[in-house]
Amino acid sequence: MDPSASASLAQGPDGDIPSPGQEFAQFGAGCFWGVELAFQRVPGVTKSEVGYTQGVIHKPTYEDVCTGTTKHSEVVRLQYDPRQCSFDDLLSVFWARHDPTTLNRQGNDVGTQYRSGIYFYTPEQEKAARESLEKQQKLLNRNIVTEILPAKKFYRAEEYHQQYLAKGGRFGFKQSTEKGCNDPIRCYG
């Protein structure tokens, strides 16, 4: 495939459609496993998927993304019921889940795919994200590096990454996805 055609496809909008009465949200906050589990526990989140977005190649693999050359971010895409859970509720979980002041890094995970990002689907989500970032910045003494960009095409990650921690992670210790659960999240299982 022509590289410019691949980049054009990858940079297009997320054309998927949520279920009736539902909305999408996309967040990047480091390794997607722990981020997904945190959001799975939120009442009103009806579906979560991990994947890649914001990159320049069509149909990237995990191995492609890990090279750091594709410009993709590891993200969780949520489907949520706005009657049960607001976008502001999701933003609260996002800010609590990671350090938004570290560029291309969360803990021991380093690379552009681990950057902090809010990828919005609507003007209302963009406005809420920007206002939320301003509020968070007033609470921190370091500069927030979170990017706020339109949601681009979402590429679902390989099946073994989906609900990784709920399935047991690396060590086979399943972690609860129960709504409202606040057990500590062990990032690698």
C-alpha atoms as a PDB file:
ATOM      1  CA  MET A   1       0.000   0.000   0.000  1.00  0.00           C
ATOM      2  CA  ASP A   2       1.188   3.505  -0.820  1.00  0.00           C
ATOM      3  CA  PRO A   3       2.531   5.022   2.452  1.00  0.00           C
ATOM      4  CA  SER A   4       0.568   8.253   1.957  1.00  0.00           C
ATOM      5  CA  ALA A   5      -2.652   6.257   1.427  1.00  0.00           C
ATOM      6  CA  SER A   6      -1.934   4.277   4.609  1.00  0.00           C
ATOM      7  CA  ALA A   7      -1.364   7.494   6.594  1.00  0.00           C
ATOM      8  CA  SER A   8      -4.537   9.025   5.173  1.00  0.00           C
ATOM      9  CA  LEU A   9      -6.605   6.010   6.273  1.00  0.00           C
ATOM     10  CA  ALA A  10      -4.981   5.947   9.725  1.00  0.00           C
ATOM     11  CA  GLN A  11      -5.558   9.668  10.266  1.00  0.00           C
ATOM     12  CA  GLY A  12      -9.227   9.527   9.281  1.00  0.00           C
ATOM     13  CA  PRO A  13     -11.954   9.859  11.905  1.00  0.00           C
ATOM     14  CA  ASP A  14     -13.099   6.880  13.959  1.00  0.00           C
ATOM     15  CA  GLY A  15     -15.986   5.741  11.766  1.00  0.00           C
ATOM     16  CA  ASP A  16     -17.329   3.150  14.189  1.00  0.00           C
ATOM     17  CA  ILE A  17     -20.734   3.870  15.696  1.00  0.00           C
ATOM     18  CA  PRO A  18     -21.650   3.203  19.335  1.00  0.00           C
ATOM     19  CA  SER A  19     -24.800   1.305  20.249  1.00  0.00           C
ATOM     20  CA  PRO A  20     -28.022   3.348  20.362  1.00  0.00           C
ATOM     21  CA  GLY A  21     -28.109   5.655  23.394  1.00  0.00           C
ATOM     22  CA  GLN A  22     -24.376   5.171  23.990  1.00  0.00           C
ATOM     23  CA  GLU A  23     -21.328   7.374  23.349  1.00  0.00           C
ATOM     24  CA  PHE A  24     -17.644   6.668  22.696  1.00  0.00           C
ATOM     25  CA  ALA A  25     -14.638   8.080  24.536  1.00  0.00           C
ATOM     26  CA  GLN A  26     -10.927   7.404  23.947  1.00  0.00           C
ATOM     27  CA  PHE A  27      -8.133   7.822  26.470  1.00  0.00           C
ATOM     28  CA  GLY A  28      -4.394   7.171  26.405  1.00  0.00           C
ATOM     29  CA  ALA A  29      -2.752   6.991  29.832  1.00  0.00           C
ATOM     30  CA  GLY A  30       0.162   4.592  29.535  1.00  0.00           C
ATOM     31  CA  CYS A  31      -0.069   0.828  29.110  1.00  0.00           C
ATOM     32  CA  PHE A  32      -3.661   0.156  28.129  1.00  0.00           C
ATOM     33  CA  TRP A  33      -4.161  -2.886  30.382  1.00  0.00           C
ATOM     34  CA  GLY A  34      -4.488  -1.028  33.692  1.00  0.00           C
ATOM     35  CA  VAL A  35      -6.289   1.902  32.088  1.00  0.00           C
ATOM     36  CA  GLU A  36      -8.908  -0.453  30.670  1.00  0.00           C
ATOM     37  CA  LEU A  37      -9.481  -2.166  34.024  1.00  0.00           C
ATOM     38  CA  ALA A  38      -9.931   1.181  35.797  1.00  0.00           C
ATOM     39  CA  PHE A  39     -12.592   2.217  33.283  1.00  0.00           C
ATOM     40  CA  GLN A  40     -14.292  -1.204  33.267  1.00  0.00           C
ATOM     41  CA  ARG A  41     -15.109  -0.632  36.942  1.00  0.00           C
ATOM     42  CA  VAL A  42     -16.977   2.621  36.263  1.00  0.00           C
ATOM     43  CA  PRO A  43     -20.768   2.311  36.466  1.00  0.00           C
ATOM     44  CA  GLY A  44     -22.213   3.282  33.095  1.00  0.00           C
ATOM     45  CA  VAL A  45     -19.262   2.014  31.032  1.00  0.00           C
ATOM     46  CA  THR A  46     -20.876  -0.685  28.916  1.00  0.00           C
ATOM     47  CA  LYS A  47     -17.925  -1.782  26.756  1.00  0.00           C
ATOM     48  CA  SER A  48     -14.177  -1.324  26.670  1.00  0.00           C
ATOM     49  CA  GLU A  49     -11.606  -2.182  24.041  1.00  0.00           C
ATOM     50  CA  VAL A  50      -7.898  -1.523  23.907  1.00  0.00           C
ATOM     51  CA  GLY A  51      -6.183  -0.487  20.731  1.00  0.00           C
ATOM     52  CA  TYR A  52      -4.145   2.021  18.814  1.00  0.00           C
ATOM     53  CA  THR A  53      -4.941   5.460  17.408  1.00  0.00           C
ATOM     54  CA  GLN A  54      -3.347   8.719  16.204  1.00  0.00           C
ATOM     55  CA  GLY A  55      -0.744   6.905  14.097  1.00  0.00           C
ATOM     56  CA  VAL A  56       0.341   6.998  10.472  1.00  0.00           C
ATOM     57  CA  ILE A  57      -0.021   3.392   9.320  1.00  0.00           C
ATOM     58  CA  HIS A  58      -3.182   1.471   8.552  1.00  0.00           C
ATOM     59  CA  LYS A  59      -3.810  -1.732  10.569  1.00  0.00           C
ATOM     60  CA  PRO A  60      -0.826  -1.542  12.929  1.00  0.00           C
ATOM     61  CA  THR A  61       0.191  -4.510  15.042  1.00  0.00           C
ATOM     62  CA  TYR A  62       1.477  -4.347  18.612  1.00  0.00           C
ATOM     63  CA  GLU A  63       4.954  -5.006  17.265  1.00  0.00           C
ATOM     64  CA  ASP A  64       4.597  -2.096  14.813  1.00  0.00           C
ATOM     65  CA  VAL A  65       3.462   0.276  17.551  1.00  0.00           C
ATOM     66  CA  CYS A  66       6.295  -0.776  19.884  1.00  0.00           C
ATOM     67  CA  THR A  67       8.896   0.349  17.331  1.00  0.00           C
ATOM     68  CA  GLY A  68       7.943   3.952  18.116  1.00  0.00           C
ATOM     69  CA  THR A  69       7.884   4.803  14.407  1.00  0.00           C
ATOM     70  CA  THR A  70       4.130   4.591  13.747  1.00  0.00           C
ATOM     71  CA  LYS A  71       3.129   7.496  16.048  1.00  0.00           C
ATOM     72  CA  HIS A  72       0.259   5.456  17.513  1.00  0.00           C
ATOM     73  CA  SER A  73      -0.900   5.812  21.098  1.00  0.00           C
ATOM     74  CA  GLU A  74      -2.070   2.867  23.188  1.00  0.00           C
ATOM     75  CA  VAL A  75      -5.651   3.747  24.133  1.00  0.00           C
ATOM     76  CA  VAL A  76      -8.793   2.395  25.634  1.00  0.00           C
ATOM     77  CA  ARG A  77     -11.980   3.101  23.723  1.00  0.00           C
ATOM     78  CA  LEU A  78     -15.022   3.124  25.920  1.00  0.00           C
ATOM     79  CA  GLN A  79     -18.668   2.885  25.145  1.00  0.00           C
ATOM     80  CA  TYR A  80     -20.710   4.433  27.914  1.00  0.00           C
ATOM     81  CA  ASP A  81     -24.279   5.337  28.763  1.00  0.00           C
ATOM     82  CA  PRO A  82     -24.371   9.112  29.374  1.00  0.00           C
ATOM     83  CA  ARG A  83     -27.513   8.677  31.500  1.00  0.00           C
ATOM     84  CA  GLN A  84     -25.468   6.639  33.995  1.00  0.00           C
ATOM     85  CA  CYS A  85     -22.001   8.093  33.576  1.00  0.00           C
ATOM     86  CA  SER A  86     -20.941  11.535  32.367  1.00  0.00           C
ATOM     87  CA  PHE A  87     -17.876  12.340  30.304  1.00  0.00           C
ATOM     88  CA  ASP A  88     -16.709  14.352  33.330  1.00  0.00           C
ATOM     89  CA  ASP A  89     -16.880  11.135  35.408  1.00  0.00           C
ATOM     90  CA  LEU A  90     -14.604   9.470  32.850  1.00  0.00           C
ATOM     91  CA  LEU A  91     -12.223  12.430  32.925  1.00  0.00           C
ATOM     92  CA  SER A  92     -11.942  12.071  36.713  1.00  0.00           C
ATOM     93  CA  VAL A  93     -10.880   8.441  36.322  1.00  0.00           C
ATOM     94  CA  PHE A  94      -8.437   9.410  33.562  1.00  0.00           C
ATOM     95  CA  TRP A  95      -6.645  12.048  35.665  1.00  0.00           C
ATOM     96  CA  ALA A  96      -6.524   9.774  38.733  1.00  0.00           C
ATOM     97  CA  ARG A  97      -5.100   6.837  36.768  1.00  0.00           C
ATOM     98  CA  HIS A  98      -1.814   8.311  35.523  1.00  0.00           C
ATOM     99  CA  ASP A  99       0.787  11.066  35.731  1.00  0.00           C
ATOM    100  CA  PRO A 100      -0.115  13.561  32.984  1.00  0.00           C
ATOM    101  CA  THR A 101       3.176  15.446  33.442  1.00  0.00           C
ATOM    102  CA  THR A 102       5.506  12.759  32.084  1.00  0.00           C
ATOM    103  CA  LEU A 103       6.097  12.938  28.341  1.00  0.00           C
ATOM    104  CA  ASN A 104       5.821   9.576  26.559  1.00  0.00           C
ATOM    105  CA  ARG A 105       6.119   7.661  29.801  1.00  0.00           C
ATOM    106  CA  GLN A 106       4.108   6.079  32.601  1.00  0.00           C
ATOM    107  CA  GLY A 107       6.224   4.441  35.289  1.00  0.00           C
ATOM    108  CA  ASN A 108       8.585   1.947  33.678  1.00  0.00           C
ATOM    109  CA  ASP A 109       6.758   2.099  30.329  1.00  0.00           C
ATOM    110  CA  VAL A 110       8.608   4.464  28.001  1.00  0.00           C
ATOM    111  CA  GLY A 111       7.774   5.354  24.405  1.00  0.00           C
ATOM    112  CA  THR A 112       5.503   7.578  22.366  1.00  0.00           C
ATOM    113  CA  GLN A 113       2.745   4.937  22.537  1.00  0.00           C
ATOM    114  CA  TYR A 114       2.455   5.593  26.301  1.00  0.00           C
ATOM    115  CA  ARG A 115       1.661   9.294  25.998  1.00  0.00           C
ATOM    116  CA  SER A 116      -1.207  10.957  27.809  1.00  0.00           C
ATOM    117  CA  GLY A 117      -4.142  11.823  25.578  1.00  0.00           C
ATOM    118  CA  ILE A 118      -7.834  12.568  25.453  1.00  0.00           C
ATOM    119  CA  TYR A 119      -9.255  11.891  21.990  1.00  0.00           C
ATOM    120  CA  PHE A 120     -12.661  13.491  21.665  1.00  0.00           C
ATOM    121  CA  TYR A 121     -15.653  12.585  19.502  1.00  0.00           C
ATOM    122  CA  THR A 122     -17.781  15.704  19.964  1.00  0.00           C
ATOM    123  CA  PRO A 123     -17.289  19.430  20.550  1.00  0.00           C
ATOM    124  CA  GLU A 124     -18.809  18.920  24.010  1.00  0.00           C
ATOM    125  CA  GLN A 125     -16.170  16.311  24.864  1.00  0.00           C
ATOM    126  CA  GLU A 126     -13.427  18.634  23.605  1.00  0.00           C
ATOM    127  CA  LYS A 127     -14.714  21.519  25.741  1.00  0.00           C
ATOM    128  CA  ALA A 128     -15.004  19.304  28.831  1.00  0.00           C
ATOM    129  CA  ALA A 129     -11.495  17.886  28.243  1.00  0.00           C
ATOM    130  CA  ARG A 130      -9.907  21.336  27.917  1.00  0.00           C
ATOM    131  CA  GLU A 131     -11.709  22.666  30.997  1.00  0.00           C
ATOM    132  CA  SER A 132     -10.724  19.572  32.951  1.00  0.00           C
ATOM    133  CA  LEU A 133      -7.072  19.956  31.929  1.00  0.00           C
ATOM    134  CA  GLU A 134      -7.116  23.580  33.109  1.00  0.00           C
ATOM    135  CA  LYS A 135      -8.510  22.511  36.496  1.00  0.00           C
ATOM    136  CA  GLN A 136      -5.902  19.755  36.835  1.00  0.00           C
ATOM    137  CA  GLN A 137      -3.089  22.120  35.900  1.00  0.00           C
ATOM    138  CA  LYS A 138      -4.030  24.373  38.829  1.00  0.00           C
ATOM    139  CA  LEU A 139      -3.578  21.399  41.171  1.00  0.00           C
ATOM    140  CA  LEU A 140      -0.119  20.386  39.935  1.00  0.00           C
ATOM    141  CA  ASN A 141       3.216  22.125  40.153  1.00  0.00           C
ATOM    142  CA  ARG A 142       4.480  20.585  36.907  1.00  0.00           C
ATOM    143  CA  ASN A 143       3.306  21.170  33.354  1.00  0.00           C
ATOM    144  CA  ILE A 144       0.660  18.758  32.023  1.00  0.00           C
ATOM    145  CA  VAL A 145       1.637  17.261  28.647  1.00  0.00           C
ATOM    146  CA  THR A 146      -1.691  15.556  27.857  1.00  0.00           C
ATOM    147  CA  GLU A 147      -2.709  15.974  24.234  1.00  0.00           C
ATOM    148  CA  ILE A 148      -6.340  16.725  23.408  1.00  0.00           C
ATOM    149  CA  LEU A 149      -7.121  15.791  19.815  1.00  0.00           C
ATOM    150  CA  PRO A 150     -10.032  14.574  17.698  1.00  0.00           C
ATOM    151  CA  ALA A 151     -10.525  10.802  17.855  1.00  0.00           C
ATOM    152  CA  LYS A 152      -8.883   9.190  14.832  1.00  0.00           C
ATOM    153  CA  LYS A 153      -9.420   5.719  13.419  1.00  0.00           C
ATOM    154  CA  PHE A 154      -9.362   3.164  16.216  1.00  0.00           C
ATOM    155  CA  TYR A 155      -7.498  -0.081  15.568  1.00  0.00           C
ATOM    156  CA  ARG A 156      -8.515  -2.806  18.000  1.00  0.00           C
ATOM    157  CA  ALA A 157      -5.476  -4.449  19.564  1.00  0.00           C
ATOM    158  CA  GLU A 158      -4.840  -8.153  19.303  1.00  0.00           C
ATOM    159  CA  GLU A 159      -7.256 -10.342  21.244  1.00  0.00           C
ATOM    160  CA  TYR A 160      -4.764 -11.316  23.959  1.00  0.00           C
ATOM    161  CA  HIS A 161      -4.599  -7.620  24.994  1.00  0.00           C
ATOM    162  CA  GLN A 162      -8.378  -7.306  25.461  1.00  0.00           C
ATOM    163  CA  GLN A 163      -9.434  -7.442  29.147  1.00  0.00           C
ATOM    164  CA  TYR A 164      -5.894  -8.652  29.857  1.00  0.00           C
ATOM    165  CA  LEU A 165      -5.931  -8.051  33.612  1.00  0.00           C
ATOM    166  CA  ALA A 166      -9.486  -9.343  34.050  1.00  0.00           C
ATOM    167  CA  LYS A 167      -8.337 -12.586  32.369  1.00  0.00           C
ATOM    168  CA  GLY A 168      -5.414 -12.919  34.793  1.00  0.00           C
ATOM    169  CA  GLY A 169      -2.527 -11.043  33.198  1.00  0.00           C
ATOM    170  CA  ARG A 170       0.979 -12.456  33.107  1.00  0.00           C
ATOM    171  CA  PHE A 171       0.673 -14.368  36.396  1.00  0.00           C
ATOM    172  CA  GLY A 172      -2.871 -15.717  36.120  1.00  0.00           C
ATOM    173  CA  PHE A 173      -4.339 -13.600  38.934  1.00  0.00           C
ATOM    174  CA  LYS A 174      -7.695 -12.340  37.695  1.00  0.00           C
ATOM    175  CA  GLN A 175      -8.611  -8.808  38.741  1.00  0.00           C
ATOM    176  CA  SER A 176     -12.165  -7.676  39.338  1.00  0.00           C
ATOM    177  CA  THR A 177     -14.083  -5.661  36.759  1.00  0.00           C
ATOM    178  CA  GLU A 178     -17.022  -5.308  39.144  1.00  0.00           C
ATOM    179  CA  LYS A 179     -18.620  -1.871  38.954  1.00  0.00           C
ATOM    180  CA  GLY A 180     -17.436   0.306  41.811  1.00  0.00           C
ATOM    181  CA  CYS A 181     -14.555  -2.023  42.721  1.00  0.00           C
ATOM    182  CA  ASN A 182     -11.586  -0.114  44.125  1.00  0.00           C
ATOM    183  CA  ASP A 183      -9.114  -2.962  44.615  1.00  0.00           C
ATOM    184  CA  PRO A 184      -5.578  -1.885  43.664  1.00  0.00           C
ATOM    185  CA  ILE A 185      -4.765  -2.537  40.010  1.00  0.00           C
ATOM    186  CA  ARG A 186      -1.677  -4.665  39.433  1.00  0.00           C
ATOM    187  CA  CYS A 187      -0.534  -3.552  35.988  1.00  0.00           C
ATOM    188  CA  TYR A 188       0.969  -6.839  34.864  1.00  0.00           C
ATOM    189  CA  GLY A 189      -1.371  -9.154  36.713  1.00  0.00           C
END
